[in-house]
C-alpha atoms as a PDB file:
ATOM      1  CA  MET A   1      -4.943  67.257   2.746  1.00  0.00           C
ATOM      2  CA  MET A   2      -5.662  69.424   5.725  1.00  0.00           C
ATOM      3  CA  ASP A   3      -3.956  72.654   6.770  1.00  0.00           C
ATOM      4  CA  TYR A   4      -3.895  73.890  10.483  1.00  0.00           C
ATOM      5  CA  GLN A   5      -6.111  77.119   9.436  1.00  0.00           C
ATOM      6  CA  SER A   6      -9.137  74.824   8.260  1.00  0.00           C
ATOM      7  CA  ASP A   7      -8.431  71.955  10.714  1.00  0.00           C
ATOM      8  CA  ALA A   8     -10.841  73.280  13.417  1.00  0.00           C
ATOM      9  CA  PRO A   9     -11.536  72.110  16.759  1.00  0.00           C
ATOM     10  CA  LYS A  10     -14.587  70.256  17.010  1.00  0.00           C
ATOM     11  CA  GLN A  11     -17.454  71.697  19.031  1.00  0.00           C
ATOM     12  CA  ASP A  12     -16.222  71.869  23.019  1.00  0.00           C
ATOM     13  CA  GLU A  13     -13.359  70.164  22.405  1.00  0.00           C
ATOM     14  CA  THR A  14     -10.868  71.088  24.764  1.00  0.00           C
ATOM     15  CA  GLN A  15      -7.136  72.635  23.806  1.00  0.00           C
ATOM     16  CA  LYS A  16      -5.268  69.029  25.091  1.00  0.00           C
ATOM     17  CA  ALA A  17      -7.725  67.337  23.741  1.00  0.00           C
ATOM     18  CA  TYR A  18      -7.589  68.574  20.225  1.00  0.00           C
ATOM     19  CA  ALA A  19      -4.082  68.339  20.418  1.00  0.00           C
ATOM     20  CA  LYS A  20      -4.203  64.734  21.448  1.00  0.00           C
ATOM     21  CA  ARG A  21      -6.779  64.355  18.349  1.00  0.00           C
ATOM     22  CA  LEU A  22      -4.376  66.004  15.794  1.00  0.00           C
ATOM     23  CA  GLU A  23      -1.095  63.494  17.140  1.00  0.00           C
ATOM     24  CA  ALA A  24      -3.217  60.847  16.360  1.00  0.00           C
ATOM     25  CA  GLU A  25      -4.183  61.453  13.276  1.00  0.00           C
ATOM     26  CA  GLY A  26      -0.548  61.725  12.503  1.00  0.00           C
ATOM     27  CA  GLN A  27       0.668  65.278  12.740  1.00  0.00           C
ATOM     28  CA  ARG A  28       3.714  66.532  13.598  1.00  0.00           C
ATOM     29  CA  GLU A  29       4.795  68.821  16.171  1.00  0.00           C
ATOM     30  CA  ILE A  30       5.023  72.025  14.225  1.00  0.00           C
ATOM     31  CA  TYR A  31       1.309  71.506  12.350  1.00  0.00           C
ATOM     32  CA  ILE A  32      -0.001  71.065  16.104  1.00  0.00           C
ATOM     33  CA  ARG A  33       1.790  74.308  17.661  1.00  0.00           C
ATOM     34  CA  LYS A  34       0.216  76.337  14.371  1.00  0.00           C
ATOM     35  CA  ALA A  35      -3.004  74.855  14.981  1.00  0.00           C
ATOM     36  CA  LEU A  36      -3.023  75.787  18.721  1.00  0.00           C
ATOM     37  CA  ARG A  37      -1.859  79.360  18.445  1.00  0.00           C
ATOM     38  CA  ALA A  38      -4.505  79.849  15.257  1.00  0.00           C
ATOM     39  CA  HIS A  39      -7.613  78.595  16.988  1.00  0.00           C
ATOM     40  CA  TRP A  40      -6.507  79.741  20.756  1.00  0.00           C
ATOM     41  CA  GLY A  41      -4.445  82.459  20.263  1.00  0.00           C
ATOM     42  CA  LEU A  42      -1.278  80.803  22.755  1.00  0.00           C
ATOM     43  CA  THR A  43       1.884  82.098  23.059  1.00  0.00           C
ATOM     44  CA  ILE A  44       4.843  80.478  22.222  1.00  0.00           C
ATOM     45  CA  GLU A  45       5.631  79.396  25.617  1.00  0.00           C
ATOM     46  CA  GLU A  46       2.121  77.940  26.126  1.00  0.00           C
ATOM     47  CA  THR A  47       2.301  76.359  22.804  1.00  0.00           C
ATOM     48  CA  ILE A  48       5.435  74.568  23.937  1.00  0.00           C
ATOM     49  CA  LEU A  49       3.788  73.484  27.196  1.00  0.00           C
ATOM     50  CA  ALA A  50       0.693  71.896  25.356  1.00  0.00           C
ATOM     51  CA  CYS A  51       3.396  70.071  23.181  1.00  0.00           C
ATOM     52  CA  ALA A  52       5.629  68.374  25.662  1.00  0.00           C
ATOM     53  CA  GLU A  53       2.935  66.078  25.762  1.00  0.00           C
ATOM     54  CA  LEU A  54       2.461  64.591  22.436  1.00  0.00           C
ATOM     55  CA  PRO A  55       5.380  62.210  22.319  1.00  0.00           C
ATOM     56  CA  GLU A  56       4.285  60.564  18.806  1.00  0.00           C
ATOM     57  CA  ALA A  57       4.490  64.248  16.817  1.00  0.00           C
ATOM     58  CA  ARG A  58       7.612  64.969  18.561  1.00  0.00           C
ATOM     59  CA  ASN A  59       9.017  61.892  17.364  1.00  0.00           C
ATOM     60  CA  ARG A  60       7.799  62.678  13.930  1.00  0.00           C
ATOM     61  CA  GLU A  61       8.529  65.920  14.072  1.00  0.00           C
ATOM     62  CA  LEU A  62      12.299  64.804  15.123  1.00  0.00           C
ATOM     63  CA  GLN A  63      12.022  62.019  12.162  1.00  0.00           C
ATOM     64  CA  ASP A  64      11.198  64.622   9.746  1.00  0.00           C
ATOM     65  CA  LEU A  65      14.245  66.907  10.627  1.00  0.00           C
ATOM     66  CA  ARG A  66      16.430  64.204  10.742  1.00  0.00           C
ATOM     67  CA  SER A  67      15.552  63.004   7.125  1.00  0.00           C
ATOM     68  CA  ARG A  68      15.595  66.664   6.135  1.00  0.00           C
ATOM     69  CA  PHE A  69      19.248  67.238   7.005  1.00  0.00           C
ATOM     70  CA  PRO A  70      20.843  63.637   7.154  1.00  0.00           C
ATOM     71  CA  THR A  71      24.510  64.720   7.754  1.00  0.00           C
ATOM     72  CA  LEU A  72      24.237  66.999  10.575  1.00  0.00           C
ATOM     73  CA  ASN A  73      26.672  65.726  13.510  1.00  0.00           C
ATOM     74  CA  GLU A  74      25.250  65.443  16.692  1.00  0.00           C
ATOM     75  CA  ASN A  75      26.026  69.455  17.680  1.00  0.00           C
ATOM     76  CA  ARG A  76      24.519  70.511  14.161  1.00  0.00           C
ATOM     77  CA  PHE A  77      21.293  68.550  14.612  1.00  0.00           C
ATOM     78  CA  ALA A  78      20.880  69.468  18.537  1.00  0.00           C
ATOM     79  CA  TRP A  79      21.447  73.399  16.889  1.00  0.00           C
ATOM     80  CA  ARG A  80      18.478  72.346  14.230  1.00  0.00           C
ATOM     81  CA  ILE A  81      16.120  70.581  16.845  1.00  0.00           C
ATOM     82  CA  SER A  82      16.499  73.758  19.276  1.00  0.00           C
ATOM     83  CA  ARG A  83      16.142  76.387  16.433  1.00  0.00           C
ATOM     84  CA  SER A  84      12.928  74.025  14.778  1.00  0.00           C
ATOM     85  CA  LEU A  85      11.128  73.484  18.229  1.00  0.00           C
ATOM     86  CA  THR A  86      12.205  76.345  20.561  1.00  0.00           C
ATOM     87  CA  ILE A  87      13.734  74.273  22.943  1.00  0.00           C
ATOM     88  CA  PRO A  88      16.815  74.684  24.886  1.00  0.00           C
ATOM     89  CA  LYS A  89      20.383  73.518  23.371  1.00  0.00           C
ATOM     90  CA  GLU A  90      20.658  70.897  26.320  1.00  0.00           C
ATOM     91  CA  ASP A  91      17.369  69.196  25.718  1.00  0.00           C
ATOM     92  CA  ALA A  92      17.845  69.446  21.955  1.00  0.00           C
ATOM     93  CA  LEU A  93      21.321  67.457  22.444  1.00  0.00           C
ATOM     94  CA  VAL A  94      19.775  65.232  24.686  1.00  0.00           C
ATOM     95  CA  TRP A  95      17.373  64.308  21.353  1.00  0.00           C
ATOM     96  CA  SER A  96      19.948  64.504  18.710  1.00  0.00           C
ATOM     97  CA  GLN A  97      22.490  62.410  20.640  1.00  0.00           C
ATOM     98  CA  THR A  98      19.574  59.494  20.703  1.00  0.00           C
ATOM     99  CA  ILE A  99      18.278  59.383  17.217  1.00  0.00           C
ATOM    100  CA  LEU A 100      22.345  59.228  15.991  1.00  0.00           C
ATOM    101  CA  ALA A 101      23.055  56.773  18.376  1.00  0.00           C
ATOM    102  CA  ALA A 102      19.904  54.534  17.384  1.00  0.00           C
ATOM    103  CA  GLU A 103      21.010  55.443  13.466  1.00  0.00           C
ATOM    104  CA  GLY A 104      24.476  53.856  14.314  1.00  0.00           C
ATOM    105  CA  SER A 105      22.826  50.678  15.559  1.00  0.00           C
ATOM    106  CA  ALA A 106      20.593  50.257  12.725  1.00  0.00           C
END
């Protein structure tokens, strides 16, 4: 199993291509964020922007959070998402509502 520090970019691989490759390999958003910061020294703001274009990685991250915190209500889950992904609480609330609504219809 690779870790983000040893999962280096390929020669001439751009930040975006690297992030997309990691997403295609099944990595979660937090892993990709750590990898981008380790190999390119991006700020947290730059990392958030780069990962905003990785919907599959974001979804895996959200599903992992939900599996670790299955009993949180909408607001507490939104808080957890906001803290974990360093995104605004308003954005996190939309994700929380979407996930909980999907659980309710399952």
